[in-house]
PDB file of N, CA and C in Angstrom:
ATOM      1  N   MET A   1      -9.231  -3.531  -8.916  1.00  0.00           N
ATOM      2  CA  MET A   1      -9.834  -2.727  -7.670  1.00  0.00           C
ATOM      3  C   MET A   1      -8.807  -2.110  -7.175  1.00  0.00           C
ATOM      4  N   PRO A   2      -8.644  -0.543  -7.492  1.00  0.00           N
ATOM      5  CA  PRO A   2      -7.822   0.336  -7.033  1.00  0.00           C
ATOM      6  C   PRO A   2      -6.928   0.415  -5.616  1.00  0.00           C
ATOM      7  N   GLU A   3      -6.182   0.269  -5.803  1.00  0.00           N
ATOM      8  CA  GLU A   3      -5.401   0.279  -4.192  1.00  0.00           C
ATOM      9  C   GLU A   3      -5.095   1.886  -4.040  1.00  0.00           C
ATOM     10  N   VAL A   4      -5.777   2.049  -2.525  1.00  0.00           N
ATOM     11  CA  VAL A   4      -5.617   3.098  -2.201  1.00  0.00           C
ATOM     12  C   VAL A   4      -4.149   3.700  -1.481  1.00  0.00           C
ATOM     13  N   SER A   5      -4.580   2.655  -0.231  1.00  0.00           N
ATOM     14  CA  SER A   5      -3.144   2.764   0.180  1.00  0.00           C
ATOM     15  C   SER A   5      -2.982   1.435   1.243  1.00  0.00           C
ATOM     16  N   ARG A   6      -1.162   1.275   1.121  1.00  0.00           N
ATOM     17  CA  ARG A   6      -0.698   0.396   1.798  1.00  0.00           C
ATOM     18  C   ARG A   6       0.318  -0.011   3.064  1.00  0.00           C
ATOM     19  N   PHE A   7       0.111  -0.531   4.151  1.00  0.00           N
ATOM     20  CA  PHE A   7       0.981  -0.551   5.391  1.00  0.00           C
ATOM     21  C   PHE A   7       0.979  -1.306   6.283  1.00  0.00           C
ATOM     22  N   PHE A   8       2.100  -1.959   6.739  1.00  0.00           N
ATOM     23  CA  PHE A   8       1.714  -2.989   7.810  1.00  0.00           C
ATOM     24  C   PHE A   8       1.078  -4.707   7.146  1.00  0.00           C
ATOM     25  N   GLY A   9       1.305  -4.572   5.805  1.00  0.00           N
ATOM     26  CA  GLY A   9       0.818  -6.116   5.171  1.00  0.00           C
ATOM     27  C   GLY A   9      -0.712  -5.959   4.735  1.00  0.00           C
ATOM     28  N   ILE A  10      -1.295  -4.628   5.218  1.00  0.00           N
ATOM     29  CA  ILE A  10      -2.097  -4.031   4.923  1.00  0.00           C
ATOM     30  C   ILE A  10      -2.980  -3.317   3.858  1.00  0.00           C
ATOM     31  N   VAL A  11      -3.858  -3.596   2.505  1.00  0.00           N
ATOM     32  CA  VAL A  11      -3.918  -2.945   1.266  1.00  0.00           C
ATOM     33  C   VAL A  11      -5.432  -2.600   2.107  1.00  0.00           C
ATOM     34  N   ILE A  12      -5.394  -1.169   0.972  1.00  0.00           N
ATOM     35  CA  ILE A  12      -6.683  -0.463   1.290  1.00  0.00           C
ATOM     36  C   ILE A  12      -7.013  -0.252   0.088  1.00  0.00           C
ATOM     37  N   ARG A  13      -8.131  -0.802  -0.300  1.00  0.00           N
ATOM     38  CA  ARG A  13      -9.011  -0.505  -2.026  1.00  0.00           C
ATOM     39  C   ARG A  13     -10.293  -0.247  -1.902  1.00  0.00           C
ATOM     40  N   MET A  14     -11.283   0.452  -3.213  1.00  0.00           N
ATOM     41  CA  MET A  14     -11.809   0.970  -3.068  1.00  0.00           C
ATOM     42  C   MET A  14     -12.515   0.360  -4.958  1.00  0.00           C
ATOM     43  N   TYR A  15     -13.460   0.174  -4.539  1.00  0.00           N
ATOM     44  CA  TYR A  15     -14.240  -0.413  -5.970  1.00  0.00           C
ATOM     45  C   TYR A  15     -15.019   1.518  -6.672  1.00  0.00           C
ATOM     46  N   PHE A  16     -14.608   0.673  -8.017  1.00  0.00           N
ATOM     47  CA  PHE A  16     -15.553   1.547  -8.880  1.00  0.00           C
ATOM     48  C   PHE A  16     -16.687   1.301  -9.027  1.00  0.00           C
ATOM     49  N   ASN A  17     -18.180   2.859  -8.481  1.00  0.00           N
ATOM     50  CA  ASN A  17     -19.193   2.373  -8.860  1.00  0.00           C
ATOM     51  C   ASN A  17     -19.634   1.659  -7.821  1.00  0.00           C
ATOM     52  N   ASP A  18     -19.062   1.409  -6.785  1.00  0.00           N
ATOM     53  CA  ASP A  18     -19.778  -0.222  -5.696  1.00  0.00           C
ATOM     54  C   ASP A  18     -20.504   0.781  -4.975  1.00  0.00           C
ATOM     55  N   HIS A  19     -21.450  -0.076  -4.251  1.00  0.00           N
ATOM     56  CA  HIS A  19     -22.669   0.313  -3.815  1.00  0.00           C
ATOM     57  C   HIS A  19     -22.627   1.016  -1.841  1.00  0.00           C
ATOM     58  N   ASN A  20     -23.510   1.977  -1.440  1.00  0.00           N
ATOM     59  CA  ASN A  20     -23.651   2.691  -0.871  1.00  0.00           C
ATOM     60  C   ASN A  20     -23.605   1.890   0.358  1.00  0.00           C
ATOM     61  N   PRO A  21     -23.186   2.782   1.608  1.00  0.00           N
ATOM     62  CA  PRO A  21     -22.884   3.350   2.152  1.00  0.00           C
ATOM     63  C   PRO A  21     -21.525   3.015   2.075  1.00  0.00           C
ATOM     64  N   ALA A  22     -20.832   4.322   1.743  1.00  0.00           N
ATOM     65  CA  ALA A  22     -19.606   5.152   1.132  1.00  0.00           C
ATOM     66  C   ALA A  22     -18.669   3.876   1.908  1.00  0.00           C
ATOM     67  N   HIS A  23     -17.555   3.246   1.571  1.00  0.00           N
ATOM     68  CA  HIS A  23     -16.681   2.664   2.699  1.00  0.00           C
ATOM     69  C   HIS A  23     -15.524   2.205   1.590  1.00  0.00           C
ATOM     70  N   PHE A  24     -14.442   1.830   2.343  1.00  0.00           N
ATOM     71  CA  PHE A  24     -13.470   0.858   1.675  1.00  0.00           C
ATOM     72  C   PHE A  24     -13.322  -0.375   2.338  1.00  0.00           C
ATOM     73  N   HIS A  25     -11.948  -0.867   1.590  1.00  0.00           N
ATOM     74  CA  HIS A  25     -11.945  -2.615   1.354  1.00  0.00           C
ATOM     75  C   HIS A  25     -10.591  -2.151   1.839  1.00  0.00           C
ATOM     76  N   ALA A  26     -10.645  -3.402   3.283  1.00  0.00           N
ATOM     77  CA  ALA A  26      -8.957  -3.731   3.595  1.00  0.00           C
ATOM     78  C   ALA A  26      -9.039  -4.745   3.765  1.00  0.00           C
ATOM     79  N   GLU A  27      -7.923  -5.126   3.510  1.00  0.00           N
ATOM     80  CA  GLU A  27      -7.421  -6.411   2.894  1.00  0.00           C
ATOM     81  C   GLU A  27      -6.102  -6.736   3.558  1.00  0.00           C
ATOM     82  N   TYR A  28      -6.250  -8.184   4.941  1.00  0.00           N
ATOM     83  CA  TYR A  28      -4.757  -8.195   5.209  1.00  0.00           C
ATOM     84  C   TYR A  28      -4.597 -10.042   5.458  1.00  0.00           C
ATOM     85  N   GLY A  29      -3.771 -10.247   4.645  1.00  0.00           N
ATOM     86  CA  GLY A  29      -3.390 -12.401   4.335  1.00  0.00           C
ATOM     87  C   GLY A  29      -4.335 -12.337   3.461  1.00  0.00           C
ATOM     88  N   GLU A  30      -5.054 -13.358   4.583  1.00  0.00           N
ATOM     89  CA  GLU A  30      -6.722 -14.010   3.743  1.00  0.00           C
ATOM     90  C   GLU A  30      -7.915 -13.521   4.413  1.00  0.00           C
ATOM     91  N   HIS A  31      -8.120 -12.409   5.217  1.00  0.00           N
ATOM     92  CA  HIS A  31      -9.041 -11.686   5.644  1.00  0.00           C
ATOM     93  C   HIS A  31      -9.084 -10.441   5.119  1.00  0.00           C
ATOM     94  N   GLU A  32     -10.707 -10.063   4.590  1.00  0.00           N
ATOM     95  CA  GLU A  32     -10.757  -8.786   4.227  1.00  0.00           C
ATOM     96  C   GLU A  32     -11.921  -8.475   5.075  1.00  0.00           C
ATOM     97  N   ALA A  33     -12.012  -6.941   5.228  1.00  0.00           N
ATOM     98  CA  ALA A  33     -12.937  -6.099   5.379  1.00  0.00           C
ATOM     99  C   ALA A  33     -13.858  -4.941   5.202  1.00  0.00           C
ATOM    100  N   LEU A  34     -14.794  -5.106   5.304  1.00  0.00           N
ATOM    101  CA  LEU A  34     -15.080  -3.611   4.637  1.00  0.00           C
ATOM    102  C   LEU A  34     -15.880  -2.121   5.531  1.00  0.00           C
ATOM    103  N   LEU A  35     -15.487  -1.636   5.512  1.00  0.00           N
ATOM    104  CA  LEU A  35     -15.717  -0.527   6.114  1.00  0.00           C
ATOM    105  C   LEU A  35     -15.641   0.934   6.216  1.00  0.00           C
ATOM    106  N   GLU A  36     -16.945   1.063   6.571  1.00  0.00           N
ATOM    107  CA  GLU A  36     -17.614   2.774   6.117  1.00  0.00           C
ATOM    108  C   GLU A  36     -17.083   3.762   6.336  1.00  0.00           C
ATOM    109  N   ILE A  37     -17.329   4.803   6.028  1.00  0.00           N
ATOM    110  CA  ILE A  37     -16.064   5.405   5.976  1.00  0.00           C
ATOM    111  C   ILE A  37     -16.669   7.025   6.873  1.00  0.00           C
ATOM    112  N   ASP A  38     -18.007   7.318   6.925  1.00  0.00           N
ATOM    113  CA  ASP A  38     -18.571   8.064   8.064  1.00  0.00           C
ATOM    114  C   ASP A  38     -18.665   7.285   9.816  1.00  0.00           C
ATOM    115  N   THR A  39     -18.522   6.214   9.776  1.00  0.00           N
ATOM    116  CA  THR A  39     -18.879   5.315  11.108  1.00  0.00           C
ATOM    117  C   THR A  39     -17.320   4.907  11.521  1.00  0.00           C
ATOM    118  N   LEU A  40     -16.494   4.352  10.234  1.00  0.00           N
ATOM    119  CA  LEU A  40     -15.288   3.485  10.682  1.00  0.00           C
ATOM    120  C   LEU A  40     -15.798   2.243  10.567  1.00  0.00           C
ATOM    121  N   ALA A  41     -17.331   1.653  11.437  1.00  0.00           N
ATOM    122  CA  ALA A  41     -18.108   0.733  10.935  1.00  0.00           C
ATOM    123  C   ALA A  41     -17.300  -0.423  10.620  1.00  0.00           C
ATOM    124  N   VAL A  42     -17.532  -1.795  10.791  1.00  0.00           N
ATOM    125  CA  VAL A  42     -17.342  -2.942  10.156  1.00  0.00           C
ATOM    126  C   VAL A  42     -18.929  -3.159   9.657  1.00  0.00           C
ATOM    127  N   LEU A  43     -18.730  -3.202   7.931  1.00  0.00           N
ATOM    128  CA  LEU A  43     -19.952  -3.643   7.241  1.00  0.00           C
ATOM    129  C   LEU A  43     -20.395  -5.155   7.291  1.00  0.00           C
ATOM    130  N   ARG A  44     -19.162  -5.457   6.185  1.00  0.00           N
ATOM    131  CA  ARG A  44     -18.985  -6.906   6.862  1.00  0.00           C
ATOM    132  C   ARG A  44     -17.582  -7.497   6.623  1.00  0.00           C
ATOM    133  N   GLY A  45     -17.434  -8.689   7.099  1.00  0.00           N
ATOM    134  CA  GLY A  45     -15.685  -9.269   6.843  1.00  0.00           C
ATOM    135  C   GLY A  45     -15.615  -9.354   8.338  1.00  0.00           C
ATOM    136  N   GLU A  46     -14.931  -9.477   8.437  1.00  0.00           N
ATOM    137  CA  GLU A  46     -12.935  -9.614   9.973  1.00  0.00           C
ATOM    138  C   GLU A  46     -11.709  -9.525   9.526  1.00  0.00           C
ATOM    139  N   LEU A  47     -11.285  -8.748  10.086  1.00  0.00           N
ATOM    140  CA  LEU A  47      -9.801  -8.593  10.343  1.00  0.00           C
ATOM    141  C   LEU A  47      -9.294  -9.191  11.583  1.00  0.00           C
ATOM    142  N   PRO A  48      -8.028  -9.815  11.730  1.00  0.00           N
ATOM    143  CA  PRO A  48      -7.471  -9.920  13.122  1.00  0.00           C
ATOM    144  C   PRO A  48      -7.372  -8.555  13.841  1.00  0.00           C
ATOM    145  N   ARG A  49      -7.386  -8.450  15.100  1.00  0.00           N
ATOM    146  CA  ARG A  49      -7.944  -7.502  15.983  1.00  0.00           C
ATOM    147  C   ARG A  49      -6.517  -6.357  15.636  1.00  0.00           C
ATOM    148  N   ARG A  50      -5.179  -6.872  15.525  1.00  0.00           N
ATOM    149  CA  ARG A  50      -4.372  -5.693  15.673  1.00  0.00           C
ATOM    150  C   ARG A  50      -4.484  -5.101  14.169  1.00  0.00           C
ATOM    151  N   ALA A  51      -5.019  -5.948  13.347  1.00  0.00           N
ATOM    152  CA  ALA A  51      -4.768  -5.072  12.419  1.00  0.00           C
ATOM    153  C   ALA A  51      -5.906  -4.114  11.882  1.00  0.00           C
ATOM    154  N   LEU A  52      -7.296  -4.421  12.527  1.00  0.00           N
ATOM    155  CA  LEU A  52      -8.050  -3.606  12.591  1.00  0.00           C
ATOM    156  C   LEU A  52      -8.214  -2.278  13.469  1.00  0.00           C
ATOM    157  N   ALA A  53      -7.026  -2.703  14.695  1.00  0.00           N
ATOM    158  CA  ALA A  53      -6.396  -1.204  15.534  1.00  0.00           C
ATOM    159  C   ALA A  53      -5.999   0.283  14.819  1.00  0.00           C
ATOM    160  N   LEU A  54      -4.687  -0.922  13.729  1.00  0.00           N
ATOM    161  CA  LEU A  54      -4.278  -0.249  12.851  1.00  0.00           C
ATOM    162  C   LEU A  54      -5.468   0.566  10.828  1.00  0.00           C
ATOM    163  N   VAL A  55      -6.076  -0.120  10.684  1.00  0.00           N
ATOM    164  CA  VAL A  55      -6.423   0.615   9.748  1.00  0.00           C
ATOM    165  C   VAL A  55      -7.846   1.528  10.186  1.00  0.00           C
ATOM    166  N   LEU A  56      -8.256   1.386  11.542  1.00  0.00           N
ATOM    167  CA  LEU A  56      -9.106   2.319  12.484  1.00  0.00           C
ATOM    168  C   LEU A  56      -8.757   3.626  12.370  1.00  0.00           C
ATOM    169  N   GLU A  57      -6.987   3.079  12.869  1.00  0.00           N
ATOM    170  CA  GLU A  57      -6.523   4.363  13.546  1.00  0.00           C
ATOM    171  C   GLU A  57      -5.928   5.495  11.896  1.00  0.00           C
ATOM    172  N   TRP A  58      -5.388   4.600  10.998  1.00  0.00           N
ATOM    173  CA  TRP A  58      -5.372   5.796   9.334  1.00  0.00           C
ATOM    174  C   TRP A  58      -6.463   6.293   9.157  1.00  0.00           C
ATOM    175  N   ALA A  59      -7.901   5.208   9.192  1.00  0.00           N
ATOM    176  CA  ALA A  59      -8.769   5.857   8.000  1.00  0.00           C
ATOM    177  C   ALA A  59      -9.322   6.874   9.150  1.00  0.00           C
ATOM    178  N   ALA A  60      -9.362   7.275  10.511  1.00  0.00           N
ATOM    179  CA  ALA A  60      -9.322   8.627  11.284  1.00  0.00           C
ATOM    180  C   ALA A  60      -8.588   9.779  11.028  1.00  0.00           C
ATOM    181  N   LEU A  61      -7.903   9.235  10.714  1.00  0.00           N
ATOM    182  CA  LEU A  61      -6.541  10.417   9.675  1.00  0.00           C
ATOM    183  C   LEU A  61      -6.444  10.363   8.640  1.00  0.00           C
ATOM    184  N   HIS A  62      -7.357   9.654   8.107  1.00  0.00           N
ATOM    185  CA  HIS A  62      -7.797  10.343   5.881  1.00  0.00           C
ATOM    186  C   HIS A  62      -8.964  10.253   6.085  1.00  0.00           C
ATOM    187  N   ARG A  63      -9.735  10.294   7.380  1.00  0.00           N
ATOM    188  CA  ARG A  63     -11.195  10.460   6.583  1.00  0.00           C
ATOM    189  C   ARG A  63     -11.368  10.958   5.107  1.00  0.00           C
ATOM    190  N   GLN A  64     -11.434  12.469   5.572  1.00  0.00           N
ATOM    191  CA  GLN A  64     -11.627  13.467   4.239  1.00  0.00           C
ATOM    192  C   GLN A  64     -11.142  12.959   2.890  1.00  0.00           C
ATOM    193  N   GLU A  65      -9.870  12.394   3.448  1.00  0.00           N
ATOM    194  CA  GLU A  65      -9.308  11.778   1.714  1.00  0.00           C
ATOM    195  C   GLU A  65     -10.131  10.401   0.986  1.00  0.00           C
ATOM    196  N   LEU A  66     -10.237   9.747   1.984  1.00  0.00           N
ATOM    197  CA  LEU A  66     -11.622   8.616   2.283  1.00  0.00           C
ATOM    198  C   LEU A  66     -12.518   8.867   1.321  1.00  0.00           C
ATOM    199  N   ARG A  67     -13.143   9.849   1.724  1.00  0.00           N
ATOM    200  CA  ARG A  67     -14.445  10.913   1.143  1.00  0.00           C
ATOM    201  C   ARG A  67     -14.192  10.768  -0.410  1.00  0.00           C
ATOM    202  N   ALA A  68     -13.082  11.670  -0.290  1.00  0.00           N
ATOM    203  CA  ALA A  68     -12.863  12.758  -1.692  1.00  0.00           C
ATOM    204  C   ALA A  68     -11.924  11.225  -2.825  1.00  0.00           C
ATOM    205  N   ASP A  69     -12.004  10.062  -2.491  1.00  0.00           N
ATOM    206  CA  ASP A  69     -11.214   9.005  -3.481  1.00  0.00           C
ATOM    207  C   ASP A  69     -12.774   8.641  -3.753  1.00  0.00           C
ATOM    208  N   TRP A  70     -13.992   8.382  -2.565  1.00  0.00           N
ATOM    209  CA  TRP A  70     -15.182   7.752  -2.783  1.00  0.00           C
ATOM    210  C   TRP A  70     -16.028   8.397  -3.812  1.00  0.00           C
ATOM    211  N   GLU A  71     -15.934   9.821  -4.181  1.00  0.00           N
ATOM    212  CA  GLU A  71     -16.721  10.269  -4.929  1.00  0.00           C
ATOM    213  C   GLU A  71     -15.868  10.438  -6.196  1.00  0.00           C
ATOM    214  N   ARG A  72     -14.515   9.750  -6.161  1.00  0.00           N
ATOM    215  CA  ARG A  72     -13.581  10.048  -7.410  1.00  0.00           C
ATOM    216  C   ARG A  72     -14.395   8.488  -8.127  1.00  0.00           C
ATOM    217  N   ALA A  73     -14.579   7.498  -7.019  1.00  0.00           N
ATOM    218  CA  ALA A  73     -14.748   6.148  -7.600  1.00  0.00           C
ATOM    219  C   ALA A  73     -16.016   6.105  -7.770  1.00  0.00           C
ATOM    220  N   ARG A  74     -17.455   6.836  -7.527  1.00  0.00           N
ATOM    221  CA  ARG A  74     -18.652   7.087  -7.799  1.00  0.00           C
ATOM    222  C   ARG A  74     -18.176   7.192  -9.340  1.00  0.00           C
ATOM    223  N   SER A  75     -17.347   8.207  -9.690  1.00  0.00           N
ATOM    224  CA  SER A  75     -17.911   9.246 -11.051  1.00  0.00           C
ATOM    225  C   SER A  75     -16.443   8.442 -11.861  1.00  0.00           C
ATOM    226  N   GLY A  76     -15.749   8.089 -11.603  1.00  0.00           N
ATOM    227  CA  GLY A  76     -15.234   6.628 -12.469  1.00  0.00           C
ATOM    228  C   GLY A  76     -14.167   7.519 -13.043  1.00  0.00           C
ATOM    229  N   VAL A  77     -13.768   8.837 -12.053  1.00  0.00           N
ATOM    230  CA  VAL A  77     -11.879   9.370 -11.402  1.00  0.00           C
ATOM    231  C   VAL A  77     -11.176   8.149 -11.175  1.00  0.00           C
ATOM    232  N   LEU A  78      -9.418   8.255 -11.575  1.00  0.00           N
ATOM    233  CA  LEU A  78      -8.374   7.805 -10.749  1.00  0.00           C
ATOM    234  C   LEU A  78      -8.787   8.266  -9.536  1.00  0.00           C
ATOM    235  N   LEU A  79      -8.368   7.671  -8.514  1.00  0.00           N
ATOM    236  CA  LEU A  79      -8.261   7.595  -7.085  1.00  0.00           C
ATOM    237  C   LEU A  79      -7.340   8.062  -7.216  1.00  0.00           C
ATOM    238  N   GLU A  80      -7.063   9.297  -5.833  1.00  0.00           N
ATOM    239  CA  GLU A  80      -5.354   9.577  -5.218  1.00  0.00           C
ATOM    240  C   GLU A  80      -4.852   8.747  -4.110  1.00  0.00           C
ATOM    241  N   PRO A  81      -3.686   8.849  -4.546  1.00  0.00           N
ATOM    242  CA  PRO A  81      -3.237   7.768  -3.241  1.00  0.00           C
ATOM    243  C   PRO A  81      -2.894   8.326  -1.872  1.00  0.00           C
ATOM    244  N   ILE A  82      -3.543   7.228  -0.946  1.00  0.00           N
ATOM    245  CA  ILE A  82      -3.316   8.317   0.637  1.00  0.00           C
ATOM    246  C   ILE A  82      -2.143   7.183   1.410  1.00  0.00           C
ATOM    247  N   ALA A  83      -1.723   8.614   1.867  1.00  0.00           N
ATOM    248  CA  ALA A  83      -0.584   8.194   3.123  1.00  0.00           C
ATOM    249  C   ALA A  83      -0.825   7.040   3.319  1.00  0.00           C
ATOM    250  N   PRO A  84       0.293   6.738   3.803  1.00  0.00           N
ATOM    251  CA  PRO A  84      -0.020   4.629   4.631  1.00  0.00           C
ATOM    252  C   PRO A  84       0.929   5.699   5.818  1.00  0.00           C
ATOM    253  N   LEU A  85      -0.077   4.112   7.303  1.00  0.00           N
ATOM    254  CA  LEU A  85       0.297   4.977   8.471  1.00  0.00           C
ATOM    255  C   LEU A  85       1.848   4.472   8.588  1.00  0.00           C
ATOM    256  N   GLU A  86       2.196   5.348   9.436  1.00  0.00           N
ATOM    257  CA  GLU A  86       4.239   5.093   9.695  1.00  0.00           C
ATOM    258  C   GLU A  86       3.800   4.562  11.519  1.00  0.00           C
TER     259      GLU A  86
END
């Protein structure tokens, strides 16, 4: 699964040809959550509260880039890296 970004020990990934709705995977240690791009709702899984807050902040800043990478993934095209949260 291609890595899109990495910050503060959190890894953001997207699968090629993944199921709808448009989403990304956020991993932190042994925790993983799937978050919908449009609403930033957690679809499945969980992250520690602080890690989730960082992911939500990052995703809100990069929602357009996440949507573009989702379309790339659905088309089987290489994903573009997205700047980490600083």
